[in-house]
Amino acid sequence: ALKVTGALAMLFFCVYWVLVALWLYR
């Protein structure tokens, strides 16, 4: 459960990070 939670947290963090870069690009 902790590993899945950590993986999801990292996934959402990466998505957020990329979304900011894509919005800046657009």
mmCIF file of all heavy atoms, coordinates in Angstrom:
data_MODEL
# 
_entry.id   MODEL 
# 
loop_
_atom_site.group_PDB 
_atom_site.id 
_atom_site.type_symbol 
_atom_site.label_atom_id 
_atom_site.label_alt_id 
_atom_site.label_comp_id 
_atom_site.label_asym_id 
_atom_site.label_entity_id 
_atom_site.label_seq_id 
_atom_site.pdbx_PDB_ins_code 
_atom_site.Cartn_x 
_atom_site.Cartn_y 
_atom_site.Cartn_z 
_atom_site.occupancy 
_atom_site.B_iso_or_equiv 
_atom_site.pdbx_formal_charge 
_atom_site.auth_seq_id 
_atom_site.auth_comp_id 
_atom_site.auth_asym_id 
_atom_site.auth_atom_id 
_atom_site.pdbx_PDB_model_num 
ATOM 1   N N   . ALA A 1 1  ? 0.834  -1.205 0.000   1.00 0.00 ? 1  ALA A N   1 
ATOM 2   C CA  . ALA A 1 1  ? 0.000  0.000  0.000   1.00 0.00 ? 1  ALA A CA  1 
ATOM 3   C C   . ALA A 1 1  ? 0.865  1.250  0.000   1.00 0.00 ? 1  ALA A C   1 
ATOM 4   O O   . ALA A 1 1  ? 0.570  2.226  -0.705  1.00 0.00 ? 1  ALA A O   1 
ATOM 5   C CB  . ALA A 1 1  ? -0.931 -0.009 1.213   1.00 0.00 ? 1  ALA A CB  1 
ATOM 6   N N   . LEU A 1 2  ? 1.951  1.238  0.772   1.00 0.00 ? 2  LEU A N   1 
ATOM 7   C CA  . LEU A 1 2  ? 2.840  2.396  0.812   1.00 0.00 ? 2  LEU A CA  1 
ATOM 8   C C   . LEU A 1 2  ? 3.545  2.603  -0.517  1.00 0.00 ? 2  LEU A C   1 
ATOM 9   O O   . LEU A 1 2  ? 3.707  3.742  -0.988  1.00 0.00 ? 2  LEU A O   1 
ATOM 10  C CB  . LEU A 1 2  ? 3.872  2.219  1.933   1.00 0.00 ? 2  LEU A CB  1 
ATOM 11  C CG  . LEU A 1 2  ? 3.342  2.344  3.365   1.00 0.00 ? 2  LEU A CG  1 
ATOM 12  C CD1 . LEU A 1 2  ? 4.445  2.012  4.361   1.00 0.00 ? 2  LEU A CD1 1 
ATOM 13  C CD2 . LEU A 1 2  ? 2.820  3.760  3.621   1.00 0.00 ? 2  LEU A CD2 1 
ATOM 14  N N   . LYS A 1 3  ? 3.977  1.504  -1.140  1.00 0.00 ? 3  LYS A N   1 
ATOM 15  C CA  . LYS A 1 3  ? 4.653  1.621  -2.432  1.00 0.00 ? 3  LYS A CA  1 
ATOM 16  C C   . LYS A 1 3  ? 3.705  2.124  -3.517  1.00 0.00 ? 3  LYS A C   1 
ATOM 17  O O   . LYS A 1 3  ? 4.080  2.965  -4.347  1.00 0.00 ? 3  LYS A O   1 
ATOM 18  C CB  . LYS A 1 3  ? 5.248  0.273  -2.831  1.00 0.00 ? 3  LYS A CB  1 
ATOM 19  C CG  . LYS A 1 3  ? 6.449  -0.138 -1.985  1.00 0.00 ? 3  LYS A CG  1 
ATOM 20  C CD  . LYS A 1 3  ? 6.973  -1.504 -2.390  1.00 0.00 ? 3  LYS A CD  1 
ATOM 21  C CE  . LYS A 1 3  ? 8.168  -1.909 -1.540  1.00 0.00 ? 3  LYS A CE  1 
ATOM 22  N NZ  . LYS A 1 3  ? 8.687  -3.250 -1.904  1.00 0.00 ? 3  LYS A NZ  1 
ATOM 23  N N   . VAL A 1 4  ? 2.471  1.609  -3.502  1.00 0.00 ? 4  VAL A N   1 
ATOM 24  C CA  . VAL A 1 4  ? 1.482  2.075  -4.481  1.00 0.00 ? 4  VAL A CA  1 
ATOM 25  C C   . VAL A 1 4  ? 1.174  3.550  -4.258  1.00 0.00 ? 4  VAL A C   1 
ATOM 26  O O   . VAL A 1 4  ? 1.079  4.337  -5.215  1.00 0.00 ? 4  VAL A O   1 
ATOM 27  C CB  . VAL A 1 4  ? 0.190  1.233  -4.389  1.00 0.00 ? 4  VAL A CB  1 
ATOM 28  C CG1 . VAL A 1 4  ? -0.923 1.853  -5.233  1.00 0.00 ? 4  VAL A CG1 1 
ATOM 29  C CG2 . VAL A 1 4  ? 0.458  -0.194 -4.843  1.00 0.00 ? 4  VAL A CG2 1 
ATOM 30  N N   . THR A 1 5  ? 1.027  3.945  -2.988  1.00 0.00 ? 5  THR A N   1 
ATOM 31  C CA  . THR A 1 5  ? 0.765  5.351  -2.667  1.00 0.00 ? 5  THR A CA  1 
ATOM 32  C C   . THR A 1 5  ? 1.917  6.228  -3.124  1.00 0.00 ? 5  THR A C   1 
ATOM 33  O O   . THR A 1 5  ? 1.712  7.297  -3.722  1.00 0.00 ? 5  THR A O   1 
ATOM 34  C CB  . THR A 1 5  ? 0.555  5.514  -1.153  1.00 0.00 ? 5  THR A CB  1 
ATOM 35  O OG1 . THR A 1 5  ? -0.564 4.724  -0.742  1.00 0.00 ? 5  THR A OG1 1 
ATOM 36  C CG2 . THR A 1 5  ? 0.287  6.969  -0.796  1.00 0.00 ? 5  THR A CG2 1 
ATOM 37  N N   . GLY A 1 6  ? 3.135  5.786  -2.857  1.00 0.00 ? 6  GLY A N   1 
ATOM 38  C CA  . GLY A 1 6  ? 4.301  6.548  -3.288  1.00 0.00 ? 6  GLY A CA  1 
ATOM 39  C C   . GLY A 1 6  ? 4.399  6.639  -4.805  1.00 0.00 ? 6  GLY A C   1 
ATOM 40  O O   . GLY A 1 6  ? 4.736  7.706  -5.350  1.00 0.00 ? 6  GLY A O   1 
ATOM 41  N N   . ALA A 1 7  ? 4.086  5.536  -5.498  1.00 0.00 ? 7  ALA A N   1 
ATOM 42  C CA  . ALA A 1 7  ? 4.140  5.536  -6.966  1.00 0.00 ? 7  ALA A CA  1 
ATOM 43  C C   . ALA A 1 7  ? 3.092  6.479  -7.547  1.00 0.00 ? 7  ALA A C   1 
ATOM 44  O O   . ALA A 1 7  ? 3.376  7.232  -8.499  1.00 0.00 ? 7  ALA A O   1 
ATOM 45  C CB  . ALA A 1 7  ? 3.932  4.113  -7.488  1.00 0.00 ? 7  ALA A CB  1 
ATOM 46  N N   . LEU A 1 8  ? 1.878  6.457  -6.980  1.00 0.00 ? 8  LEU A N   1 
ATOM 47  C CA  . LEU A 1 8  ? 0.827  7.356  -7.458  1.00 0.00 ? 8  LEU A CA  1 
ATOM 48  C C   . LEU A 1 8  ? 1.174  8.813  -7.183  1.00 0.00 ? 8  LEU A C   1 
ATOM 49  O O   . LEU A 1 8  ? 0.926  9.691  -8.025  1.00 0.00 ? 8  LEU A O   1 
ATOM 50  C CB  . LEU A 1 8  ? -0.508 6.996  -6.805  1.00 0.00 ? 8  LEU A CB  1 
ATOM 51  C CG  . LEU A 1 8  ? -1.212 5.743  -7.331  1.00 0.00 ? 8  LEU A CG  1 
ATOM 52  C CD1 . LEU A 1 8  ? -2.459 5.449  -6.518  1.00 0.00 ? 8  LEU A CD1 1 
ATOM 53  C CD2 . LEU A 1 8  ? -1.570 5.907  -8.810  1.00 0.00 ? 8  LEU A CD2 1 
ATOM 54  N N   . ALA A 1 9  ? 1.738  9.069  -6.005  1.00 0.00 ? 9  ALA A N   1 
ATOM 55  C CA  . ALA A 1 9  ? 2.147  10.436 -5.678  1.00 0.00 ? 9  ALA A CA  1 
ATOM 56  C C   . ALA A 1 9  ? 3.201  10.937 -6.665  1.00 0.00 ? 9  ALA A C   1 
ATOM 57  O O   . ALA A 1 9  ? 3.146  12.077 -7.140  1.00 0.00 ? 9  ALA A O   1 
ATOM 58  C CB  . ALA A 1 9  ? 2.687  10.494 -4.248  1.00 0.00 ? 9  ALA A CB  1 
ATOM 59  N N   . MET A 1 10 ? 4.165  10.065 -6.997  1.00 0.00 ? 10 MET A N   1 
ATOM 60  C CA  . MET A 1 10 ? 5.192  10.431 -7.971  1.00 0.00 ? 10 MET A CA  1 
ATOM 61  C C   . MET A 1 10 ? 4.593  10.641 -9.350  1.00 0.00 ? 10 MET A C   1 
ATOM 62  O O   . MET A 1 10 ? 4.974  11.563 -10.077 1.00 0.00 ? 10 MET A O   1 
ATOM 63  C CB  . MET A 1 10 ? 6.271  9.345  -8.009  1.00 0.00 ? 10 MET A CB  1 
ATOM 64  C CG  . MET A 1 10 ? 7.430  9.659  -8.938  1.00 0.00 ? 10 MET A CG  1 
ATOM 65  S SD  . MET A 1 10 ? 8.321  11.182 -8.485  1.00 0.00 ? 10 MET A SD  1 
ATOM 66  C CE  . MET A 1 10 ? 9.028  10.665 -6.903  1.00 0.00 ? 10 MET A CE  1 
ATOM 67  N N   . LEU A 1 11 ? 3.624  9.786  -9.724  1.00 0.00 ? 11 LEU A N   1 
ATOM 68  C CA  . LEU A 1 11 ? 2.971  9.919  -11.017 1.00 0.00 ? 11 LEU A CA  1 
ATOM 69  C C   . LEU A 1 11 ? 2.244  11.253 -11.135 1.00 0.00 ? 11 LEU A C   1 
ATOM 70  O O   . LEU A 1 11 ? 2.400  11.974 -12.136 1.00 0.00 ? 11 LEU A O   1 
ATOM 71  C CB  . LEU A 1 11 ? 1.987  8.768  -11.219 1.00 0.00 ? 11 LEU A CB  1 
ATOM 72  C CG  . LEU A 1 11 ? 1.109  8.849  -12.482 1.00 0.00 ? 11 LEU A CG  1 
ATOM 73  C CD1 . LEU A 1 11 ? 1.967  8.805  -13.734 1.00 0.00 ? 11 LEU A CD1 1 
ATOM 74  C CD2 . LEU A 1 11 ? 0.082  7.726  -12.489 1.00 0.00 ? 11 LEU A CD2 1 
ATOM 75  N N   . PHE A 1 12 ? 1.446  11.591 -10.116 1.00 0.00 ? 12 PHE A N   1 
ATOM 76  C CA  . PHE A 1 12 ? 0.708  12.852 -10.157 1.00 0.00 ? 12 PHE A CA  1 
ATOM 77  C C   . PHE A 1 12 ? 1.650  14.051 -10.122 1.00 0.00 ? 12 PHE A C   1 
ATOM 78  O O   . PHE A 1 12 ? 1.383  15.077 -10.752 1.00 0.00 ? 12 PHE A O   1 
ATOM 79  C CB  . PHE A 1 12 ? -0.290 12.923 -8.994  1.00 0.00 ? 12 PHE A CB  1 
ATOM 80  C CG  . PHE A 1 12 ? -1.579 12.213 -9.272  1.00 0.00 ? 12 PHE A CG  1 
ATOM 81  C CD1 . PHE A 1 12 ? -1.817 10.942 -8.781  1.00 0.00 ? 12 PHE A CD1 1 
ATOM 82  C CD2 . PHE A 1 12 ? -2.559 12.804 -10.046 1.00 0.00 ? 12 PHE A CD2 1 
ATOM 83  C CE1 . PHE A 1 12 ? -2.999 10.278 -9.051  1.00 0.00 ? 12 PHE A CE1 1 
ATOM 84  C CE2 . PHE A 1 12 ? -3.752 12.157 -10.326 1.00 0.00 ? 12 PHE A CE2 1 
ATOM 85  C CZ  . PHE A 1 12 ? -3.972 10.887 -9.824  1.00 0.00 ? 12 PHE A CZ  1 
ATOM 86  N N   . PHE A 1 13 ? 2.759  13.914 -9.397  1.00 0.00 ? 13 PHE A N   1 
ATOM 87  C CA  . PHE A 1 13 ? 3.744  15.000 -9.368  1.00 0.00 ? 13 PHE A CA  1 
ATOM 88  C C   . PHE A 1 13 ? 4.363  15.190 -10.748 1.00 0.00 ? 13 PHE A C   1 
ATOM 89  O O   . PHE A 1 13 ? 4.541  16.328 -11.202 1.00 0.00 ? 13 PHE A O   1 
ATOM 90  C CB  . PHE A 1 13 ? 4.826  14.692 -8.339  1.00 0.00 ? 13 PHE A CB  1 
ATOM 91  C CG  . PHE A 1 13 ? 5.891  15.740 -8.261  1.00 0.00 ? 13 PHE A CG  1 
ATOM 92  C CD1 . PHE A 1 13 ? 5.663  16.943 -7.603  1.00 0.00 ? 13 PHE A CD1 1 
ATOM 93  C CD2 . PHE A 1 13 ? 7.133  15.538 -8.864  1.00 0.00 ? 13 PHE A CD2 1 
ATOM 94  C CE1 . PHE A 1 13 ? 6.649  17.924 -7.544  1.00 0.00 ? 13 PHE A CE1 1 
ATOM 95  C CE2 . PHE A 1 13 ? 8.122  16.503 -8.801  1.00 0.00 ? 13 PHE A CE2 1 
ATOM 96  C CZ  . PHE A 1 13 ? 7.878  17.699 -8.138  1.00 0.00 ? 13 PHE A CZ  1 
ATOM 97  N N   . CYS A 1 14 ? 4.695  14.092 -11.422 1.00 0.00 ? 14 CYS A N   1 
ATOM 98  C CA  . CYS A 1 14 ? 5.288  14.175 -12.765 1.00 0.00 ? 14 CYS A CA  1 
ATOM 99  C C   . CYS A 1 14 ? 4.294  14.767 -13.757 1.00 0.00 ? 14 CYS A C   1 
ATOM 100 O O   . CYS A 1 14 ? 4.669  15.578 -14.623 1.00 0.00 ? 14 CYS A O   1 
ATOM 101 C CB  . CYS A 1 14 ? 5.746  12.793 -13.225 1.00 0.00 ? 14 CYS A CB  1 
ATOM 102 S SG  . CYS A 1 14 ? 7.187  12.153 -12.326 1.00 0.00 ? 14 CYS A SG  1 
ATOM 103 N N   . VAL A 1 15 ? 3.021  14.352 -13.656 1.00 0.00 ? 15 VAL A N   1 
ATOM 104 C CA  . VAL A 1 15 ? 1.995  14.900 -14.542 1.00 0.00 ? 15 VAL A CA  1 
ATOM 105 C C   . VAL A 1 15 ? 1.861  16.404 -14.330 1.00 0.00 ? 15 VAL A C   1 
ATOM 106 O O   . VAL A 1 15 ? 1.784  17.178 -15.296 1.00 0.00 ? 15 VAL A O   1 
ATOM 107 C CB  . VAL A 1 15 ? 0.641  14.194 -14.299 1.00 0.00 ? 15 VAL A CB  1 
ATOM 108 C CG1 . VAL A 1 15 ? -0.489 14.919 -15.034 1.00 0.00 ? 15 VAL A CG1 1 
ATOM 109 C CG2 . VAL A 1 15 ? 0.721  12.743 -14.754 1.00 0.00 ? 15 VAL A CG2 1 
ATOM 110 N N   . TYR A 1 16 ? 1.832  16.820 -13.062 1.00 0.00 ? 16 TYR A N   1 
ATOM 111 C CA  . TYR A 1 16 ? 1.761  18.249 -12.756 1.00 0.00 ? 16 TYR A CA  1 
ATOM 112 C C   . TYR A 1 16 ? 2.953  18.986 -13.354 1.00 0.00 ? 16 TYR A C   1 
ATOM 113 O O   . TYR A 1 16 ? 2.815  20.059 -13.964 1.00 0.00 ? 16 TYR A O   1 
ATOM 114 C CB  . TYR A 1 16 ? 1.711  18.438 -11.234 1.00 0.00 ? 16 TYR A CB  1 
ATOM 115 C CG  . TYR A 1 16 ? 2.381  19.694 -10.741 1.00 0.00 ? 16 TYR A CG  1 
ATOM 116 C CD1 . TYR A 1 16 ? 1.768  20.938 -10.866 1.00 0.00 ? 16 TYR A CD1 1 
ATOM 117 C CD2 . TYR A 1 16 ? 3.652  19.644 -10.158 1.00 0.00 ? 16 TYR A CD2 1 
ATOM 118 C CE1 . TYR A 1 16 ? 2.396  22.095 -10.435 1.00 0.00 ? 16 TYR A CE1 1 
ATOM 119 C CE2 . TYR A 1 16 ? 4.278  20.783 -9.724  1.00 0.00 ? 16 TYR A CE2 1 
ATOM 120 C CZ  . TYR A 1 16 ? 3.658  22.010 -9.863  1.00 0.00 ? 16 TYR A CZ  1 
ATOM 121 O OH  . TYR A 1 16 ? 4.288  23.145 -9.436  1.00 0.00 ? 16 TYR A OH  1 
ATOM 122 N N   . TRP A 1 17 ? 4.149  18.409 -13.197 1.00 0.00 ? 17 TRP A N   1 
ATOM 123 C CA  . TRP A 1 17 ? 5.375  19.055 -13.672 1.00 0.00 ? 17 TRP A CA  1 
ATOM 124 C C   . TRP A 1 17 ? 5.344  19.240 -15.195 1.00 0.00 ? 17 TRP A C   1 
ATOM 125 O O   . TRP A 1 17 ? 5.670  20.311 -15.717 1.00 0.00 ? 17 TRP A O   1 
ATOM 126 C CB  . TRP A 1 17 ? 6.583  18.209 -13.266 1.00 0.00 ? 17 TRP A CB  1 
ATOM 127 C CG  . TRP A 1 17 ? 7.893  18.917 -13.360 1.00 0.00 ? 17 TRP A CG  1 
ATOM 128 C CD1 . TRP A 1 17 ? 8.660  19.078 -14.467 1.00 0.00 ? 17 TRP A CD1 1 
ATOM 129 C CD2 . TRP A 1 17 ? 8.593  19.575 -12.299 1.00 0.00 ? 17 TRP A CD2 1 
ATOM 130 N NE1 . TRP A 1 17 ? 9.808  19.783 -14.174 1.00 0.00 ? 17 TRP A NE1 1 
ATOM 131 C CE2 . TRP A 1 17 ? 9.791  20.104 -12.855 1.00 0.00 ? 17 TRP A CE2 1 
ATOM 132 C CE3 . TRP A 1 17 ? 8.335  19.753 -10.940 1.00 0.00 ? 17 TRP A CE3 1 
ATOM 133 C CZ2 . TRP A 1 17 ? 10.724 20.805 -12.077 1.00 0.00 ? 17 TRP A CZ2 1 
ATOM 134 C CZ3 . TRP A 1 17 ? 9.254  20.446 -10.173 1.00 0.00 ? 17 TRP A CZ3 1 
ATOM 135 C CH2 . TRP A 1 17 ? 10.437 20.971 -10.748 1.00 0.00 ? 17 TRP A CH2 1 
ATOM 136 N N   . VAL A 1 18 ? 4.909  18.185 -15.897 1.00 0.00 ? 18 VAL A N   1 
ATOM 137 C CA  . VAL A 1 18 ? 4.850  18.240 -17.360 1.00 0.00 ? 18 VAL A CA  1 
ATOM 138 C C   . VAL A 1 18 ? 3.739  19.179 -17.827 1.00 0.00 ? 18 VAL A C   1 
ATOM 139 O O   . VAL A 1 18 ? 3.900  19.901 -18.829 1.00 0.00 ? 18 VAL A O   1 
ATOM 140 C CB  . VAL A 1 18 ? 4.644  16.822 -17.929 1.00 0.00 ? 18 VAL A CB  1 
ATOM 141 C CG1 . VAL A 1 18 ? 4.404  16.877 -19.433 1.00 0.00 ? 18 VAL A CG1 1 
ATOM 142 C CG2 . VAL A 1 18 ? 5.850  15.944 -17.626 1.00 0.00 ? 18 VAL A CG2 1 
ATOM 143 N N   . LEU A 1 19 ? 2.609  19.193 -17.117 1.00 0.00 ? 19 LEU A N   1 
ATOM 144 C CA  . LEU A 1 19 ? 1.509  20.090 -17.494 1.00 0.00 ? 19 LEU A CA  1 
ATOM 145 C C   . LEU A 1 19 ? 1.942  21.547 -17.449 1.00 0.00 ? 19 LEU A C   1 
ATOM 146 O O   . LEU A 1 19 ? 1.563  22.345 -18.323 1.00 0.00 ? 19 LEU A O   1 
ATOM 147 C CB  . LEU A 1 19 ? 0.311  19.873 -16.566 1.00 0.00 ? 19 LEU A CB  1 
ATOM 148 C CG  . LEU A 1 19 ? -0.616 18.703 -16.890 1.00 0.00 ? 19 LEU A CG  1 
ATOM 149 C CD1 . LEU A 1 19 ? -1.706 18.580 -15.839 1.00 0.00 ? 19 LEU A CD1 1 
ATOM 150 C CD2 . LEU A 1 19 ? -1.230 18.863 -18.280 1.00 0.00 ? 19 LEU A CD2 1 
ATOM 151 N N   . VAL A 1 20 ? 2.718  21.921 -16.437 1.00 0.00 ? 20 VAL A N   1 
ATOM 152 C CA  . VAL A 1 20 ? 3.209  23.299 -16.342 1.00 0.00 ? 20 VAL A CA  1 
ATOM 153 C C   . VAL A 1 20 ? 4.080  23.631 -17.547 1.00 0.00 ? 20 VAL A C   1 
ATOM 154 O O   . VAL A 1 20 ? 3.943  24.699 -18.167 1.00 0.00 ? 20 VAL A O   1 
ATOM 155 C CB  . VAL A 1 20 ? 4.001  23.504 -15.033 1.00 0.00 ? 20 VAL A CB  1 
ATOM 156 C CG1 . VAL A 1 20 ? 4.708  24.859 -15.049 1.00 0.00 ? 20 VAL A CG1 1 
ATOM 157 C CG2 . VAL A 1 20 ? 3.065  23.431 -13.833 1.00 0.00 ? 20 VAL A CG2 1 
ATOM 158 N N   . ALA A 1 21 ? 4.975  22.705 -17.921 1.00 0.00 ? 21 ALA A N   1 
ATOM 159 C CA  . ALA A 1 21 ? 5.854  22.937 -19.067 1.00 0.00 ? 21 ALA A CA  1 
ATOM 160 C C   . ALA A 1 21 ? 5.054  23.034 -20.363 1.00 0.00 ? 21 ALA A C   1 
ATOM 161 O O   . ALA A 1 21 ? 5.319  23.899 -21.217 1.00 0.00 ? 21 ALA A O   1 
ATOM 162 C CB  . ALA A 1 21 ? 6.883  21.824 -19.156 1.00 0.00 ? 21 ALA A CB  1 
ATOM 163 N N   . LEU A 1 22 ? 4.048  22.158 -20.533 1.00 0.00 ? 22 LEU A N   1 
ATOM 164 C CA  . LEU A 1 22 ? 3.231  22.187 -21.751 1.00 0.00 ? 22 LEU A CA  1 
ATOM 165 C C   . LEU A 1 22 ? 2.393  23.448 -21.826 1.00 0.00 ? 22 LEU A C   1 
ATOM 166 O O   . LEU A 1 22 ? 2.215  24.025 -22.918 1.00 0.00 ? 22 LEU A O   1 
ATOM 167 C CB  . LEU A 1 22 ? 2.328  20.947 -21.797 1.00 0.00 ? 22 LEU A CB  1 
ATOM 168 C CG  . LEU A 1 22 ? 3.029  19.607 -22.033 1.00 0.00 ? 22 LEU A CG  1 
ATOM 169 C CD1 . LEU A 1 22 ? 2.021  18.466 -21.975 1.00 0.00 ? 22 LEU A CD1 1 
ATOM 170 C CD2 . LEU A 1 22 ? 3.765  19.604 -23.374 1.00 0.00 ? 22 LEU A CD2 1 
ATOM 171 N N   . TRP A 1 23 ? 1.860  23.888 -20.680 1.00 0.00 ? 23 TRP A N   1 
ATOM 172 C CA  . TRP A 1 23 ? 1.076  25.127 -20.694 1.00 0.00 ? 23 TRP A CA  1 
ATOM 173 C C   . TRP A 1 23 ? 1.962  26.312 -21.055 1.00 0.00 ? 23 TRP A C   1 
ATOM 174 O O   . TRP A 1 23 ? 1.552  27.182 -21.846 1.00 0.00 ? 23 TRP A O   1 
ATOM 175 C CB  . TRP A 1 23 ? 0.429  25.367 -19.334 1.00 0.00 ? 23 TRP A CB  1 
ATOM 176 C CG  . TRP A 1 23 ? -0.427 26.608 -19.347 1.00 0.00 ? 23 TRP A CG  1 
ATOM 177 C CD1 . TRP A 1 23 ? -1.747 26.697 -19.686 1.00 0.00 ? 23 TRP A CD1 1 
ATOM 178 C CD2 . TRP A 1 23 ? 0.000  27.945 -19.031 1.00 0.00 ? 23 TRP A CD2 1 
ATOM 179 N NE1 . TRP A 1 23 ? -2.174 27.995 -19.607 1.00 0.00 ? 23 TRP A NE1 1 
ATOM 180 C CE2 . TRP A 1 23 ? -1.127 28.787 -19.200 1.00 0.00 ? 23 TRP A CE2 1 
ATOM 181 C CE3 . TRP A 1 23 ? 1.201  28.496 -18.624 1.00 0.00 ? 23 TRP A CE3 1 
ATOM 182 C CZ2 . TRP A 1 23 ? -1.060 30.162 -18.986 1.00 0.00 ? 23 TRP A CZ2 1 
ATOM 183 C CZ3 . TRP A 1 23 ? 1.273  29.874 -18.405 1.00 0.00 ? 23 TRP A CZ3 1 
ATOM 184 C CH2 . TRP A 1 23 ? 0.154  30.696 -18.584 1.00 0.00 ? 23 TRP A CH2 1 
ATOM 185 N N   . LEU A 1 24 ? 3.171  26.352 -20.519 1.00 0.00 ? 24 LEU A N   1 
ATOM 186 C CA  . LEU A 1 24 ? 4.097  27.429 -20.859 1.00 0.00 ? 24 LEU A CA  1 
ATOM 187 C C   . LEU A 1 24 ? 4.417  27.405 -22.352 1.00 0.00 ? 24 LEU A C   1 
ATOM 188 O O   . LEU A 1 24 ? 4.478  28.458 -22.997 1.00 0.00 ? 24 LEU A O   1 
ATOM 189 C CB  . LEU A 1 24 ? 5.382  27.292 -20.042 1.00 0.00 ? 24 LEU A CB  1 
ATOM 190 C CG  . LEU A 1 24 ? 5.387  27.937 -18.652 1.00 0.00 ? 24 LEU A CG  1 
ATOM 191 C CD1 . LEU A 1 24 ? 6.668  27.593 -17.919 1.00 0.00 ? 24 LEU A CD1 1 
ATOM 192 C CD2 . LEU A 1 24 ? 5.248  29.442 -18.762 1.00 0.00 ? 24 LEU A CD2 1 
ATOM 193 N N   . TYR A 1 25 ? 4.631  26.207 -22.880 1.00 0.00 ? 25 TYR A N   1 
ATOM 194 C CA  . TYR A 1 25 ? 4.933  26.078 -24.305 1.00 0.00 ? 25 TYR A CA  1 
ATOM 195 C C   . TYR A 1 25 ? 3.773  26.608 -25.144 1.00 0.00 ? 25 TYR A C   1 
ATOM 196 O O   . TYR A 1 25 ? 3.978  27.392 -26.086 1.00 0.00 ? 25 TYR A O   1 
ATOM 197 C CB  . TYR A 1 25 ? 5.197  24.610 -24.633 1.00 0.00 ? 25 TYR A CB  1 
ATOM 198 C CG  . TYR A 1 25 ? 5.616  24.374 -26.069 1.00 0.00 ? 25 TYR A CG  1 
ATOM 199 C CD1 . TYR A 1 25 ? 6.956  24.278 -26.411 1.00 0.00 ? 25 TYR A CD1 1 
ATOM 200 C CD2 . TYR A 1 25 ? 4.656  24.233 -27.074 1.00 0.00 ? 25 TYR A CD2 1 
ATOM 201 C CE1 . TYR A 1 25 ? 7.344  24.054 -27.733 1.00 0.00 ? 25 TYR A CE1 1 
ATOM 202 C CE2 . TYR A 1 25 ? 5.037  24.017 -28.395 1.00 0.00 ? 25 TYR A CE2 1 
ATOM 203 C CZ  . TYR A 1 25 ? 6.373  23.927 -28.721 1.00 0.00 ? 25 TYR A CZ  1 
ATOM 204 O OH  . TYR A 1 25 ? 6.753  23.709 -30.023 1.00 0.00 ? 25 TYR A OH  1 
ATOM 205 N N   . ARG A 1 26 ? 2.542  26.190 -24.812 1.00 0.00 ? 26 ARG A N   1 
ATOM 206 C CA  . ARG A 1 26 ? 1.386  26.610 -25.606 1.00 0.00 ? 26 ARG A CA  1 
ATOM 207 C C   . ARG A 1 26 ? 1.145  28.107 -25.496 1.00 0.00 ? 26 ARG A C   1 
ATOM 208 O O   . ARG A 1 26 ? 0.895  28.787 -26.503 1.00 0.00 ? 26 ARG A O   1 
ATOM 209 C CB  . ARG A 1 26 ? 0.137  25.849 -25.167 1.00 0.00 ? 26 ARG A CB  1 
ATOM 210 C CG  . ARG A 1 26 ? -1.036 26.048 -26.133 1.00 0.00 ? 26 ARG A CG  1 
ATOM 211 C CD  . ARG A 1 26 ? -2.349 25.636 -25.526 1.00 0.00 ? 26 ARG A CD  1 
ATOM 212 N NE  . ARG A 1 26 ? -2.799 26.564 -24.495 1.00 0.00 ? 26 ARG A NE  1 
ATOM 213 C CZ  . ARG A 1 26 ? -4.048 26.625 -24.055 1.00 0.00 ? 26 ARG A CZ  1 
ATOM 214 N NH1 . ARG A 1 26 ? -4.966 25.809 -24.542 1.00 0.00 ? 26 ARG A NH1 1 
ATOM 215 N NH2 . ARG A 1 26 ? -4.390 27.468 -23.107 1.00 0.00 ? 26 ARG A NH2 1 
# 
